[in-house]
N, C-alpha and C. Protein backbone atom coordinates (compact mmCIF):
# COMPACT_ATOMS: atom_id res chain seq x y z
N MET A 1 -101.01 -64.51 -168.66
CA MET A 1 -102.38 -64.23 -169.09
C MET A 1 -102.40 -62.91 -169.86
N VAL A 2 -103.44 -62.69 -170.63
CA VAL A 2 -103.56 -61.47 -171.40
C VAL A 2 -104.92 -60.87 -171.13
N GLY A 3 -105.16 -59.74 -171.79
CA GLY A 3 -106.43 -59.05 -171.62
C GLY A 3 -107.60 -59.81 -172.23
N ASN A 4 -108.80 -59.20 -172.19
CA ASN A 4 -110.00 -59.91 -172.58
C ASN A 4 -110.47 -59.64 -174.01
N GLU A 5 -109.82 -58.73 -174.73
CA GLU A 5 -110.27 -58.42 -176.06
C GLU A 5 -110.14 -59.65 -176.96
N THR A 6 -111.10 -59.81 -177.90
CA THR A 6 -111.09 -60.97 -178.79
C THR A 6 -110.49 -60.66 -180.15
N GLU A 7 -110.52 -59.42 -180.60
CA GLU A 7 -109.96 -59.06 -181.90
C GLU A 7 -108.44 -59.00 -181.79
N LYS A 8 -107.77 -59.64 -182.74
CA LYS A 8 -106.31 -59.67 -182.68
C LYS A 8 -105.74 -58.29 -182.98
N LEU A 9 -104.68 -57.95 -182.22
CA LEU A 9 -104.08 -56.64 -182.32
C LEU A 9 -102.92 -56.64 -183.30
N GLY A 10 -102.88 -55.67 -184.18
CA GLY A 10 -101.82 -55.47 -185.16
C GLY A 10 -101.86 -54.01 -185.56
N PRO A 11 -101.15 -53.62 -186.61
CA PRO A 11 -100.42 -54.46 -187.57
C PRO A 11 -98.97 -54.74 -187.18
N GLY A 12 -98.54 -54.22 -186.03
CA GLY A 12 -97.18 -54.49 -185.59
C GLY A 12 -97.01 -55.92 -185.14
N ALA A 13 -95.85 -56.22 -184.57
CA ALA A 13 -95.53 -57.61 -184.21
C ALA A 13 -95.05 -57.71 -182.77
N LEU A 14 -95.22 -58.90 -182.21
CA LEU A 14 -94.78 -59.20 -180.86
C LEU A 14 -93.78 -60.34 -180.91
N VAL A 15 -92.61 -60.12 -180.35
CA VAL A 15 -91.57 -61.14 -180.29
C VAL A 15 -91.49 -61.63 -178.85
N LEU A 16 -91.84 -62.88 -178.63
CA LEU A 16 -91.80 -63.48 -177.31
C LEU A 16 -90.50 -64.26 -177.15
N VAL A 17 -89.62 -63.77 -176.30
CA VAL A 17 -88.35 -64.46 -176.05
C VAL A 17 -88.55 -65.39 -174.87
N VAL A 18 -88.40 -66.68 -175.11
CA VAL A 18 -88.62 -67.68 -174.07
C VAL A 18 -87.40 -68.58 -173.97
N GLY A 19 -87.38 -69.38 -172.92
CA GLY A 19 -86.28 -70.32 -172.76
C GLY A 19 -85.98 -70.55 -171.29
N PRO A 20 -85.19 -71.54 -170.98
CA PRO A 20 -84.90 -71.88 -169.59
C PRO A 20 -84.09 -70.80 -168.89
N SER A 21 -84.23 -70.74 -167.57
CA SER A 21 -83.40 -69.84 -166.77
C SER A 21 -81.93 -70.17 -167.00
N GLY A 22 -81.12 -69.15 -167.20
CA GLY A 22 -79.70 -69.35 -167.43
C GLY A 22 -79.32 -69.45 -168.90
N ALA A 23 -80.32 -69.40 -169.79
CA ALA A 23 -80.02 -69.49 -171.22
C ALA A 23 -79.41 -68.21 -171.76
N GLY A 24 -79.58 -67.11 -171.03
CA GLY A 24 -79.01 -65.84 -171.49
C GLY A 24 -79.98 -64.96 -172.24
N LYS A 25 -81.26 -65.12 -171.97
CA LYS A 25 -82.28 -64.34 -172.68
C LYS A 25 -82.08 -62.84 -172.49
N ASP A 26 -81.89 -62.43 -171.23
CA ASP A 26 -81.75 -61.00 -170.95
C ASP A 26 -80.49 -60.42 -171.57
N THR A 27 -79.43 -61.22 -171.62
CA THR A 27 -78.19 -60.75 -172.25
C THR A 27 -78.40 -60.48 -173.73
N LEU A 28 -79.06 -61.42 -174.42
CA LEU A 28 -79.31 -61.23 -175.85
C LEU A 28 -80.26 -60.07 -176.09
N ILE A 29 -81.27 -59.94 -175.25
CA ILE A 29 -82.21 -58.83 -175.40
C ILE A 29 -81.51 -57.50 -175.22
N ALA A 30 -80.65 -57.39 -174.20
CA ALA A 30 -79.93 -56.13 -173.94
C ALA A 30 -79.04 -55.77 -175.11
N ARG A 31 -78.35 -56.76 -175.66
CA ARG A 31 -77.45 -56.47 -176.79
C ARG A 31 -78.23 -56.13 -178.05
N ALA A 32 -79.34 -56.82 -178.28
CA ALA A 32 -80.16 -56.50 -179.45
C ALA A 32 -80.77 -55.11 -179.30
N ARG A 33 -81.18 -54.76 -178.08
CA ARG A 33 -81.73 -53.42 -177.84
C ARG A 33 -80.69 -52.36 -178.16
N ALA A 34 -79.44 -52.58 -177.78
CA ALA A 34 -78.38 -51.62 -178.08
C ALA A 34 -78.16 -51.52 -179.59
N ARG A 35 -78.21 -52.65 -180.28
CA ARG A 35 -78.00 -52.65 -181.72
C ARG A 35 -79.14 -51.94 -182.46
N LEU A 36 -80.34 -51.94 -181.86
CA LEU A 36 -81.51 -51.35 -182.51
C LEU A 36 -81.89 -50.00 -181.90
N ALA A 37 -80.99 -49.43 -181.12
CA ALA A 37 -81.31 -48.21 -180.38
C ALA A 37 -81.74 -47.05 -181.28
N ALA A 38 -81.23 -47.00 -182.48
CA ALA A 38 -81.55 -45.89 -183.38
C ALA A 38 -82.78 -46.17 -184.24
N ASP A 39 -83.39 -47.32 -184.08
CA ASP A 39 -84.53 -47.70 -184.92
C ASP A 39 -85.83 -47.50 -184.16
N PHE A 40 -86.64 -46.56 -184.63
CA PHE A 40 -87.86 -46.17 -183.92
C PHE A 40 -88.89 -47.29 -183.81
N PHE A 41 -88.84 -48.26 -184.71
CA PHE A 41 -89.88 -49.28 -184.76
C PHE A 41 -89.69 -50.38 -183.70
N ALA A 42 -88.52 -50.46 -183.08
CA ALA A 42 -88.22 -51.54 -182.14
C ALA A 42 -88.45 -51.07 -180.70
N SER A 43 -89.17 -51.87 -179.92
CA SER A 43 -89.47 -51.52 -178.54
C SER A 43 -89.12 -52.69 -177.62
N PHE A 44 -88.44 -52.37 -176.52
CA PHE A 44 -88.03 -53.37 -175.53
C PHE A 44 -88.55 -52.92 -174.17
N PRO A 45 -89.81 -53.22 -173.86
CA PRO A 45 -90.42 -52.71 -172.62
C PRO A 45 -89.79 -53.30 -171.36
N THR A 46 -89.89 -52.55 -170.29
CA THR A 46 -89.41 -52.99 -168.99
C THR A 46 -90.45 -53.89 -168.32
N ARG A 47 -90.04 -55.11 -167.95
CA ARG A 47 -90.95 -56.00 -167.23
C ARG A 47 -91.12 -55.54 -165.79
N LEU A 48 -92.27 -55.82 -165.24
CA LEU A 48 -92.54 -55.54 -163.84
C LEU A 48 -92.54 -56.87 -163.11
N ILE A 49 -91.79 -56.97 -162.00
CA ILE A 49 -91.63 -58.23 -161.28
C ILE A 49 -91.77 -57.98 -159.78
N THR A 50 -92.40 -58.91 -159.09
CA THR A 50 -92.58 -58.76 -157.65
C THR A 50 -91.34 -59.22 -156.89
N ARG A 51 -90.22 -58.60 -157.19
CA ARG A 51 -88.98 -58.81 -156.44
C ARG A 51 -88.09 -57.59 -156.67
N ALA A 52 -87.02 -57.51 -155.93
CA ALA A 52 -86.10 -56.38 -156.06
C ALA A 52 -85.49 -56.36 -157.46
N PRO A 53 -85.19 -55.17 -158.02
CA PRO A 53 -84.57 -55.08 -159.35
C PRO A 53 -83.27 -55.85 -159.40
N ASP A 54 -82.95 -56.35 -160.58
CA ASP A 54 -81.75 -57.15 -160.80
C ASP A 54 -80.95 -56.50 -161.92
N THR A 55 -79.66 -56.35 -161.73
CA THR A 55 -78.83 -55.69 -162.74
C THR A 55 -78.67 -56.53 -164.01
N THR A 56 -79.07 -57.81 -163.97
CA THR A 56 -78.90 -58.67 -165.14
C THR A 56 -80.06 -58.56 -166.12
N GLU A 57 -81.10 -57.82 -165.77
CA GLU A 57 -82.26 -57.73 -166.66
C GLU A 57 -82.88 -56.35 -166.57
N GLN A 58 -83.67 -56.02 -167.60
CA GLN A 58 -84.37 -54.75 -167.63
C GLN A 58 -85.74 -54.96 -166.96
N SER A 59 -85.81 -54.61 -165.68
CA SER A 59 -87.05 -54.83 -164.94
C SER A 59 -87.23 -53.76 -163.89
N ALA A 60 -88.47 -53.66 -163.41
CA ALA A 60 -88.80 -52.75 -162.32
C ALA A 60 -89.57 -53.55 -161.27
N ALA A 61 -89.37 -53.18 -160.00
CA ALA A 61 -89.98 -53.94 -158.91
C ALA A 61 -91.33 -53.36 -158.52
N LEU A 62 -92.22 -54.25 -158.10
CA LEU A 62 -93.46 -53.85 -157.46
C LEU A 62 -93.84 -54.94 -156.45
N ASP A 63 -94.60 -54.54 -155.44
CA ASP A 63 -94.97 -55.54 -154.44
C ASP A 63 -96.27 -56.24 -154.85
N GLU A 64 -96.68 -57.23 -154.06
CA GLU A 64 -97.86 -58.03 -154.42
C GLU A 64 -99.13 -57.19 -154.53
N PRO A 65 -99.42 -56.30 -153.57
CA PRO A 65 -100.63 -55.47 -153.73
C PRO A 65 -100.58 -54.61 -154.99
N GLU A 66 -99.42 -54.06 -155.31
CA GLU A 66 -99.28 -53.26 -156.54
C GLU A 66 -99.51 -54.12 -157.77
N PHE A 67 -98.99 -55.35 -157.73
CA PHE A 67 -99.18 -56.26 -158.86
C PHE A 67 -100.66 -56.55 -159.07
N GLU A 68 -101.37 -56.85 -157.98
CA GLU A 68 -102.79 -57.16 -158.08
C GLU A 68 -103.58 -55.96 -158.58
N ARG A 69 -103.21 -54.75 -158.13
CA ARG A 69 -103.91 -53.54 -158.60
C ARG A 69 -103.63 -53.31 -160.08
N LEU A 70 -102.40 -53.56 -160.50
CA LEU A 70 -102.04 -53.39 -161.91
C LEU A 70 -102.90 -54.29 -162.79
N ILE A 71 -103.03 -55.56 -162.42
CA ILE A 71 -103.81 -56.51 -163.19
C ILE A 71 -105.29 -56.12 -163.18
N ALA A 72 -105.82 -55.83 -162.00
CA ALA A 72 -107.23 -55.49 -161.87
C ALA A 72 -107.58 -54.23 -162.66
N GLY A 73 -106.62 -53.31 -162.75
CA GLY A 73 -106.87 -52.05 -163.44
C GLY A 73 -106.58 -52.10 -164.93
N GLY A 74 -106.23 -53.26 -165.46
CA GLY A 74 -105.97 -53.37 -166.90
C GLY A 74 -104.65 -52.77 -167.32
N GLY A 75 -103.71 -52.66 -166.39
CA GLY A 75 -102.43 -52.03 -166.72
C GLY A 75 -101.40 -52.96 -167.31
N ALA A 76 -101.75 -54.24 -167.46
CA ALA A 76 -100.80 -55.21 -168.00
C ALA A 76 -101.34 -55.80 -169.30
N ALA A 77 -100.50 -55.80 -170.32
CA ALA A 77 -100.86 -56.45 -171.58
C ALA A 77 -100.67 -57.95 -171.45
N LEU A 78 -99.63 -58.36 -170.73
CA LEU A 78 -99.32 -59.76 -170.49
C LEU A 78 -98.96 -59.91 -169.02
N PHE A 79 -99.40 -60.98 -168.40
CA PHE A 79 -98.99 -61.21 -167.01
C PHE A 79 -99.06 -62.70 -166.71
N TRP A 80 -98.20 -63.13 -165.78
CA TRP A 80 -98.12 -64.54 -165.41
C TRP A 80 -97.40 -64.66 -164.09
N ARG A 81 -97.42 -65.89 -163.55
CA ARG A 81 -96.69 -66.19 -162.33
C ARG A 81 -95.76 -67.37 -162.57
N ALA A 82 -94.58 -67.27 -162.02
CA ALA A 82 -93.59 -68.36 -162.12
C ALA A 82 -92.58 -68.20 -161.00
N HIS A 83 -92.10 -69.33 -160.49
CA HIS A 83 -91.08 -69.32 -159.44
C HIS A 83 -91.51 -68.52 -158.22
N GLY A 84 -92.82 -68.49 -157.96
CA GLY A 84 -93.33 -67.77 -156.80
C GLY A 84 -93.39 -66.27 -156.97
N LEU A 85 -93.20 -65.78 -158.19
CA LEU A 85 -93.20 -64.34 -158.45
C LEU A 85 -94.28 -63.98 -159.47
N GLY A 86 -94.69 -62.72 -159.44
CA GLY A 86 -95.60 -62.20 -160.45
C GLY A 86 -94.83 -61.38 -161.47
N TYR A 87 -95.17 -61.56 -162.75
CA TYR A 87 -94.51 -60.85 -163.85
C TYR A 87 -95.57 -60.15 -164.68
N ALA A 88 -95.25 -58.96 -165.18
CA ALA A 88 -96.20 -58.25 -166.03
C ALA A 88 -95.46 -57.41 -167.07
N VAL A 89 -96.10 -57.27 -168.23
CA VAL A 89 -95.60 -56.41 -169.29
C VAL A 89 -96.62 -55.27 -169.43
N PRO A 90 -96.18 -54.02 -169.35
CA PRO A 90 -97.11 -52.89 -169.36
C PRO A 90 -98.00 -52.86 -170.60
N VAL A 91 -99.23 -52.39 -170.41
CA VAL A 91 -100.22 -52.35 -171.49
C VAL A 91 -99.80 -51.40 -172.61
N GLU A 92 -98.83 -50.54 -172.35
CA GLU A 92 -98.38 -49.60 -173.38
C GLU A 92 -97.85 -50.30 -174.63
N ILE A 93 -97.46 -51.57 -174.52
CA ILE A 93 -96.98 -52.26 -175.72
C ILE A 93 -98.08 -52.36 -176.77
N ASN A 94 -99.34 -52.33 -176.34
CA ASN A 94 -100.44 -52.43 -177.30
C ASN A 94 -100.47 -51.23 -178.23
N ARG A 95 -100.14 -50.06 -177.69
CA ARG A 95 -100.10 -48.86 -178.54
C ARG A 95 -98.97 -48.96 -179.56
N THR A 96 -97.83 -49.50 -179.13
CA THR A 96 -96.70 -49.67 -180.04
C THR A 96 -97.07 -50.62 -181.18
N ILE A 97 -97.70 -51.73 -180.84
CA ILE A 97 -98.08 -52.71 -181.85
C ILE A 97 -99.16 -52.14 -182.77
N ALA A 98 -100.11 -51.42 -182.21
CA ALA A 98 -101.16 -50.81 -183.02
C ALA A 98 -100.59 -49.79 -184.00
N ALA A 99 -99.46 -49.17 -183.61
CA ALA A 99 -98.81 -48.19 -184.49
C ALA A 99 -97.87 -48.83 -185.49
N GLY A 100 -97.74 -50.16 -185.46
CA GLY A 100 -96.91 -50.86 -186.43
C GLY A 100 -95.53 -51.23 -185.93
N GLY A 101 -95.24 -51.01 -184.65
CA GLY A 101 -93.92 -51.31 -184.12
C GLY A 101 -93.74 -52.79 -183.81
N VAL A 102 -92.50 -53.13 -183.47
CA VAL A 102 -92.16 -54.49 -183.09
C VAL A 102 -91.74 -54.47 -181.62
N VAL A 103 -92.43 -55.24 -180.80
CA VAL A 103 -92.17 -55.30 -179.36
C VAL A 103 -91.46 -56.61 -179.03
N VAL A 104 -90.36 -56.51 -178.28
CA VAL A 104 -89.59 -57.69 -177.88
C VAL A 104 -89.63 -57.79 -176.36
N VAL A 105 -90.04 -58.96 -175.86
CA VAL A 105 -90.14 -59.10 -174.40
C VAL A 105 -89.84 -60.53 -173.98
N ASN A 106 -89.19 -60.65 -172.83
CA ASN A 106 -88.87 -61.93 -172.21
C ASN A 106 -90.09 -62.39 -171.41
N VAL A 107 -90.65 -63.55 -171.78
CA VAL A 107 -91.86 -64.02 -171.13
C VAL A 107 -91.77 -65.50 -170.77
N SER A 108 -92.77 -65.98 -170.04
CA SER A 108 -92.91 -67.40 -169.77
C SER A 108 -93.52 -68.09 -170.98
N ARG A 109 -93.05 -69.30 -171.26
CA ARG A 109 -93.63 -70.06 -172.38
C ARG A 109 -95.11 -70.33 -172.16
N ALA A 110 -95.57 -70.28 -170.91
CA ALA A 110 -96.96 -70.60 -170.60
C ALA A 110 -97.95 -69.62 -171.22
N ILE A 111 -97.51 -68.39 -171.52
CA ILE A 111 -98.46 -67.41 -172.05
C ILE A 111 -98.49 -67.40 -173.58
N ILE A 112 -97.71 -68.27 -174.23
CA ILE A 112 -97.67 -68.29 -175.70
C ILE A 112 -99.06 -68.50 -176.31
N PRO A 113 -99.83 -69.51 -175.90
CA PRO A 113 -101.15 -69.70 -176.53
C PRO A 113 -102.06 -68.49 -176.41
N GLU A 114 -102.08 -67.86 -175.25
CA GLU A 114 -102.93 -66.70 -175.07
C GLU A 114 -102.45 -65.51 -175.90
N ALA A 115 -101.14 -65.33 -175.99
CA ALA A 115 -100.61 -64.24 -176.80
C ALA A 115 -100.94 -64.46 -178.28
N LEU A 116 -100.87 -65.71 -178.73
CA LEU A 116 -101.22 -66.02 -180.12
C LEU A 116 -102.69 -65.70 -180.40
N ALA A 117 -103.52 -65.90 -179.40
CA ALA A 117 -104.94 -65.61 -179.57
C ALA A 117 -105.23 -64.10 -179.55
N ARG A 118 -104.32 -63.34 -178.96
CA ARG A 118 -104.56 -61.91 -178.76
C ARG A 118 -103.92 -61.04 -179.85
N TYR A 119 -102.73 -61.44 -180.32
CA TYR A 119 -101.98 -60.59 -181.24
C TYR A 119 -101.91 -61.20 -182.63
N GLU A 120 -101.95 -60.35 -183.62
CA GLU A 120 -102.01 -60.78 -185.02
C GLU A 120 -100.71 -61.41 -185.50
N ARG A 121 -99.59 -60.85 -185.09
CA ARG A 121 -98.29 -61.32 -185.58
C ARG A 121 -97.38 -61.60 -184.38
N VAL A 122 -97.16 -62.87 -184.11
CA VAL A 122 -96.35 -63.28 -182.96
C VAL A 122 -95.24 -64.21 -183.44
N THR A 123 -94.01 -63.89 -183.06
CA THR A 123 -92.87 -64.77 -183.31
C THR A 123 -92.29 -65.18 -181.97
N VAL A 124 -92.07 -66.47 -181.80
CA VAL A 124 -91.47 -66.99 -180.58
C VAL A 124 -89.99 -67.25 -180.84
N VAL A 125 -89.14 -66.68 -180.00
CA VAL A 125 -87.70 -66.91 -180.09
C VAL A 125 -87.29 -67.73 -178.87
N LEU A 126 -86.90 -68.97 -179.11
CA LEU A 126 -86.47 -69.86 -178.03
C LEU A 126 -84.95 -69.75 -177.88
N VAL A 127 -84.51 -69.23 -176.74
CA VAL A 127 -83.09 -69.14 -176.41
C VAL A 127 -82.77 -70.30 -175.48
N THR A 128 -81.79 -71.10 -175.81
CA THR A 128 -81.51 -72.27 -175.00
C THR A 128 -80.01 -72.57 -174.97
N ALA A 129 -79.65 -73.55 -174.14
CA ALA A 129 -78.26 -73.97 -173.98
C ALA A 129 -78.29 -75.33 -173.29
N PRO A 130 -77.20 -76.10 -173.36
CA PRO A 130 -77.14 -77.39 -172.67
C PRO A 130 -77.32 -77.23 -171.16
N ILE A 131 -77.84 -78.29 -170.52
CA ILE A 131 -78.14 -78.25 -169.09
C ILE A 131 -76.93 -77.86 -168.25
N ASP A 132 -75.75 -78.38 -168.57
CA ASP A 132 -74.57 -78.06 -167.76
C ASP A 132 -74.22 -76.58 -167.84
N VAL A 133 -74.45 -75.99 -169.01
CA VAL A 133 -74.21 -74.55 -169.18
C VAL A 133 -75.23 -73.75 -168.37
N LEU A 134 -76.50 -74.18 -168.43
CA LEU A 134 -77.54 -73.50 -167.66
C LEU A 134 -77.22 -73.53 -166.17
N ALA A 135 -76.82 -74.70 -165.67
CA ALA A 135 -76.51 -74.85 -164.24
C ALA A 135 -75.38 -73.91 -163.82
N LYS A 136 -74.34 -73.82 -164.62
CA LYS A 136 -73.20 -72.97 -164.31
C LYS A 136 -73.62 -71.50 -164.28
N ARG A 137 -74.44 -71.09 -165.25
CA ARG A 137 -74.87 -69.70 -165.31
C ARG A 137 -75.77 -69.35 -164.13
N LEU A 138 -76.67 -70.25 -163.78
CA LEU A 138 -77.57 -70.00 -162.65
C LEU A 138 -76.79 -69.86 -161.34
N ALA A 139 -75.81 -70.73 -161.15
CA ALA A 139 -74.99 -70.66 -159.94
C ALA A 139 -74.18 -69.37 -159.92
N GLY A 140 -73.72 -68.95 -161.07
CA GLY A 140 -72.88 -67.76 -161.17
C GLY A 140 -73.59 -66.46 -160.85
N ARG A 141 -74.90 -66.42 -161.09
CA ARG A 141 -75.59 -65.15 -160.82
C ARG A 141 -75.96 -65.00 -159.35
N GLY A 142 -75.85 -66.07 -158.57
CA GLY A 142 -76.00 -65.98 -157.12
C GLY A 142 -77.34 -65.51 -156.63
N ARG A 143 -78.38 -65.81 -157.37
CA ARG A 143 -79.71 -65.33 -157.01
C ARG A 143 -80.58 -66.42 -156.39
N GLU A 144 -80.28 -67.68 -156.68
CA GLU A 144 -81.11 -68.79 -156.22
C GLU A 144 -80.32 -69.76 -155.35
N SER A 145 -81.05 -70.49 -154.50
CA SER A 145 -80.44 -71.55 -153.72
C SER A 145 -80.22 -72.76 -154.62
N ALA A 146 -79.52 -73.76 -154.10
CA ALA A 146 -79.30 -74.98 -154.86
C ALA A 146 -80.62 -75.65 -155.22
N GLU A 147 -81.57 -75.62 -154.29
CA GLU A 147 -82.89 -76.20 -154.56
C GLU A 147 -83.62 -75.44 -155.66
N ASP A 148 -83.53 -74.12 -155.62
CA ASP A 148 -84.18 -73.30 -156.64
C ASP A 148 -83.56 -73.56 -158.01
N ILE A 149 -82.25 -73.69 -158.06
CA ILE A 149 -81.57 -73.97 -159.32
C ILE A 149 -82.02 -75.32 -159.88
N ALA A 150 -82.10 -76.32 -159.01
CA ALA A 150 -82.55 -77.64 -159.45
C ALA A 150 -83.97 -77.58 -160.02
N ALA A 151 -84.83 -76.79 -159.37
CA ALA A 151 -86.21 -76.66 -159.85
C ALA A 151 -86.25 -75.97 -161.21
N ARG A 152 -85.43 -74.95 -161.39
CA ARG A 152 -85.39 -74.25 -162.68
C ARG A 152 -84.86 -75.17 -163.77
N LEU A 153 -83.89 -75.99 -163.45
CA LEU A 153 -83.35 -76.91 -164.45
C LEU A 153 -84.38 -77.97 -164.84
N ARG A 154 -85.18 -78.42 -163.88
CA ARG A 154 -86.25 -79.36 -164.21
C ARG A 154 -87.27 -78.72 -165.13
N ARG A 155 -87.57 -77.46 -164.86
CA ARG A 155 -88.54 -76.74 -165.68
C ARG A 155 -88.00 -76.51 -167.09
N ALA A 156 -86.69 -76.46 -167.24
CA ALA A 156 -86.07 -76.23 -168.55
C ALA A 156 -86.43 -77.31 -169.55
N GLU A 157 -86.78 -78.48 -169.04
CA GLU A 157 -87.11 -79.60 -169.91
C GLU A 157 -88.60 -79.63 -170.26
N GLY A 158 -89.33 -78.61 -169.86
CA GLY A 158 -90.77 -78.57 -170.10
C GLY A 158 -91.11 -78.40 -171.57
N HIS A 159 -92.38 -78.65 -171.88
CA HIS A 159 -92.89 -78.59 -173.25
C HIS A 159 -93.04 -77.15 -173.70
N LEU A 160 -92.70 -76.89 -174.95
CA LEU A 160 -92.89 -75.57 -175.54
C LEU A 160 -94.18 -75.58 -176.35
N PRO A 161 -95.16 -74.74 -176.02
CA PRO A 161 -96.41 -74.71 -176.79
C PRO A 161 -96.15 -74.42 -178.27
N ALA A 162 -96.99 -74.97 -179.13
CA ALA A 162 -96.84 -74.79 -180.57
C ALA A 162 -96.98 -73.32 -180.94
N ALA A 163 -96.16 -72.89 -181.89
CA ALA A 163 -96.21 -71.52 -182.40
C ALA A 163 -95.95 -71.56 -183.90
N PRO A 164 -96.72 -70.82 -184.69
CA PRO A 164 -96.55 -70.87 -186.14
C PRO A 164 -95.22 -70.28 -186.61
N SER A 165 -94.64 -69.39 -185.81
CA SER A 165 -93.37 -68.77 -186.18
C SER A 165 -92.40 -68.95 -185.01
N LEU A 166 -91.40 -69.81 -185.19
CA LEU A 166 -90.46 -70.14 -184.11
C LEU A 166 -89.03 -70.01 -184.62
N VAL A 167 -88.21 -69.32 -183.84
CA VAL A 167 -86.79 -69.18 -184.11
C VAL A 167 -86.05 -69.73 -182.90
N VAL A 168 -85.07 -70.61 -183.12
CA VAL A 168 -84.29 -71.19 -182.03
C VAL A 168 -82.87 -70.64 -182.05
N ILE A 169 -82.42 -70.13 -180.92
CA ILE A 169 -81.06 -69.62 -180.77
C ILE A 169 -80.34 -70.44 -179.72
N GLN A 170 -79.30 -71.15 -180.11
CA GLN A 170 -78.45 -71.87 -179.16
C GLN A 170 -77.39 -70.90 -178.66
N ASN A 171 -77.56 -70.42 -177.44
CA ASN A 171 -76.69 -69.38 -176.91
C ASN A 171 -75.55 -70.01 -176.11
N VAL A 172 -74.57 -70.54 -176.83
CA VAL A 172 -73.44 -71.21 -176.17
C VAL A 172 -72.09 -70.58 -176.54
N GLY A 173 -72.06 -69.74 -177.54
CA GLY A 173 -70.81 -69.11 -177.95
C GLY A 173 -70.80 -67.64 -177.59
N ASP A 174 -70.35 -66.84 -178.52
CA ASP A 174 -70.34 -65.39 -178.34
C ASP A 174 -71.78 -64.89 -178.32
N PRO A 175 -72.23 -64.26 -177.22
CA PRO A 175 -73.62 -63.79 -177.16
C PRO A 175 -73.95 -62.76 -178.24
N GLU A 176 -72.93 -62.14 -178.81
CA GLU A 176 -73.20 -61.17 -179.86
C GLU A 176 -73.81 -61.86 -181.08
N GLU A 177 -73.48 -63.13 -181.30
CA GLU A 177 -74.06 -63.87 -182.42
C GLU A 177 -75.56 -64.07 -182.20
N GLY A 178 -75.93 -64.44 -180.98
CA GLY A 178 -77.35 -64.59 -180.66
C GLY A 178 -78.09 -63.27 -180.74
N ALA A 179 -77.45 -62.19 -180.29
CA ALA A 179 -78.07 -60.87 -180.36
C ALA A 179 -78.30 -60.46 -181.81
N MET A 180 -77.38 -60.80 -182.68
CA MET A 180 -77.55 -60.49 -184.10
C MET A 180 -78.73 -61.27 -184.69
N ARG A 181 -78.89 -62.53 -184.26
CA ARG A 181 -80.04 -63.31 -184.72
C ARG A 181 -81.34 -62.65 -184.28
N LEU A 182 -81.38 -62.23 -183.02
CA LEU A 182 -82.58 -61.58 -182.51
C LEU A 182 -82.82 -60.26 -183.23
N GLU A 183 -81.77 -59.51 -183.48
CA GLU A 183 -81.90 -58.27 -184.25
C GLU A 183 -82.48 -58.55 -185.63
N ASP A 184 -82.00 -59.60 -186.28
CA ASP A 184 -82.50 -59.95 -187.61
C ASP A 184 -83.99 -60.27 -187.58
N VAL A 185 -84.44 -60.97 -186.53
CA VAL A 185 -85.86 -61.27 -186.39
C VAL A 185 -86.68 -60.00 -186.36
N VAL A 186 -86.24 -59.03 -185.55
CA VAL A 186 -86.96 -57.76 -185.41
C VAL A 186 -86.98 -57.01 -186.73
N ARG A 187 -85.84 -56.92 -187.38
CA ARG A 187 -85.76 -56.19 -188.65
C ARG A 187 -86.61 -56.87 -189.73
N ASP A 188 -86.60 -58.19 -189.77
CA ASP A 188 -87.40 -58.91 -190.76
C ASP A 188 -88.89 -58.69 -190.55
N LEU A 189 -89.32 -58.68 -189.30
CA LEU A 189 -90.74 -58.43 -189.01
C LEU A 189 -91.15 -57.02 -189.42
N HIS A 190 -90.27 -56.07 -189.16
CA HIS A 190 -90.57 -54.69 -189.57
C HIS A 190 -90.62 -54.57 -191.09
N ALA A 191 -89.67 -55.19 -191.77
CA ALA A 191 -89.64 -55.14 -193.23
C ALA A 191 -90.86 -55.82 -193.83
N ALA A 192 -91.28 -56.93 -193.25
CA ALA A 192 -92.47 -57.64 -193.76
C ALA A 192 -93.72 -56.79 -193.59
N ARG A 193 -93.80 -56.09 -192.47
CA ARG A 193 -94.96 -55.23 -192.25
C ARG A 193 -94.96 -54.08 -193.26
N ALA A 194 -93.77 -53.53 -193.56
CA ALA A 194 -93.69 -52.43 -194.54
C ALA A 194 -94.10 -52.92 -195.92
N LEU A 195 -93.70 -54.12 -196.29
CA LEU A 195 -94.08 -54.68 -197.59
C LEU A 195 -95.58 -54.86 -197.68
N ARG A 196 -96.20 -55.32 -196.59
CA ARG A 196 -97.64 -55.50 -196.57
C ARG A 196 -98.36 -54.16 -196.71
N ALA A 197 -97.80 -53.13 -196.06
CA ALA A 197 -98.43 -51.82 -196.08
C ALA A 197 -98.39 -51.18 -197.45
N PHE A 198 -97.28 -51.41 -198.19
CA PHE A 198 -97.12 -50.75 -199.48
C PHE A 198 -97.32 -51.69 -200.66
N GLY A 199 -97.59 -52.97 -200.36
CA GLY A 199 -97.78 -53.92 -201.44
C GLY A 199 -99.23 -54.12 -201.78
């Protein structure tokens, strides 16, 4: 879910990285963040999740009461629930976008329609991989039970909401290739915004 404002926020851009569990979204985001570390226009905010921090992703933990207070107080630009957990992206991304920056965040596909209604420039990056690859990666991270893995794999086949700007990354080879694709998306969005500003 997103905030209640009706005017679309810009002139910066929002990159929504979506895809099934085990596709390697956080790996590509981490590598793209490292590649763009010297570029002031790129922002990779820390997600807030109602579970203990995980070394495989850039996140911070909060409990359920903290999550509810964050939402009620307007501290989340984006928030949703999945797999029995609450997820939120800090409202500070709105300042980055208002200043012309490009924000990249791993989100649920369910919030795509609301994000499109809220932000002026949204690109959806779908990171995916074959089911057998997803299953192996999920088992390897040791975070879910067999039942949880099965549920995540079923969800992987879900419908992706329509988006006017969609980039698909098949993350089955060297993850550096996918990270470069994601980096290119961010750089292209920044360059397009600069052309609009000076054109």
